[in-house]
Amino acid sequence: MRKTELLIPAGSLEVLKTAVIYGADAVYIGGEAFGLRAKAKNFTTEDIREGISFAHEKGVKVYITANILAHNDDLPGVEEYFKELKEINPDALIISDPGVFAIAKRIIPDMELHISTQANNTNYGTYLFWHQLGAKRVVSARELSLAEIKEIRSRIPENMEIESFIHGAMCMSYSGRCLLSNYMTGKDANQGACTHPCRWKYSIVEEKRPGEYMPVYENERGTYIFNSKDLCMIEYIPEMMEAGIDSFKIEGRMKTALYVATVARTYRKAIDDYNKDPEIYQANMDWYRSEIGKCTYRQFTTGFYFGKADSSAQIYDNNTYVKNYTYLGTVERLDERGFALIEQKNKFSIGETIEVMKPDGRNLEAVVKAIYNDEGMVQESAPHSRQILYVDLDVEMEQYDILRRSEV
């Protein structure tokens, strides 16, 4: 059995640290340019340096995305960007465009290069092509079944790595190459500016009756004809490992620290349990299912892994997330009183019962005893987002604990 990497997304320095603490073997991030999440907070050069230093201290790798489909005007900027990255020295770059790949090979010849899923990697010939050019790893297209991935594994060199998505949002376009956003808003999904029109509500209009909107599906809210469910393979860790996948990738560079911590911690435990003893993995399945349901999601599917997806992989009546828990904040440090310093994310009040989520898998129920602002004044509640607060709970807390509230 190949050693399996758990690869976690991070859209900010805060989330990178959360991913590292909650179980990532590697983290992938975007710089301020040439990644496919322009709306993410992304990382400044200094953030990247600090993030890499923090991760490396914990034995965790950092990969940087540069996976846009580049136009002519992008290439000079790519050259300058890669010169900066040469000095920063991440563990790998994730690239989809052959022109960008060529620039990376020329400017950073010793850099490990991974080929993004955007490059439509659907067969072993494509893997061999990229291997011959010097790629270390190829991310499989999400349209592949586990049987196809297993065949690819049997036909490529042993030292070439396969990375595959194991959890997160699915795209309605082939390997993420979507033109809907371009046509409808002028913002190019393949340049990182997707407006997600696949999640919008659609109706039809008869040519001679403008303004009369008729639902495509029998539902008063219209229908969400492109809205896919989220991938979740927590119940199929053995099948993913047996296919010969080297890296299990979580989708979500736009997600909160709570989402990243929840998913990372759950998959970390599932992978470790299975490696320890498959019977332990099966015995803990209810815990995995329960925990993974505590992050926001759009209902779950196994995607294409067990064959072609059918109509059950779509959601037709809404585009809303299931949200069972609300993120309140992450403990940055404890003061001399043992109170937790947090940057508040959502409203909570004195007397509320909340949950303290710990990296080791424990969830502790806690009552909010007191809330103080950064000037030491007592507050009955914390209504203002991003306010710096000191929180007194009736349980012991540690740095990187996450505070969350059940909504069910």
Foldseek 3Di string as FASTA:
>chain_A
DAAAFEEFEALFLVLLLLLLLQAGQEYEFEACFQAQANPGNGDYLVSLLVSQVSNVVSNHFYEYENAFQDDPVCVVVLLVVLLSCLVSPGQEYEYAYPSSVVSNCVNPVPHAYEYALLNAAAALVVVVVVVVVPHQEYEHWLQDALVRLLVSCVVDDPRRAYEYEAKWADFLDGSQQDCPQCVPPVAHSSRNGRPPPLLDFAFDDDPVGPPDTHAPDPDPRHWSVRAFWIEHCLVPVVSNVSSPHHYHYYDDNRDDSLLSSLVNNLSSVLVVQVVVPVVSNVVCVVVSVVSNLQAKTRDYDNRDHPHHDDPVRGGIHHSGIDHFKDFFFFFAFADPVQWGKTFGAAKDFAQDWWWWADSVGDIDIKGFHWKAFPVRHTDGMDHDGRGIITTDIPDHDGGGTTIMHGPD
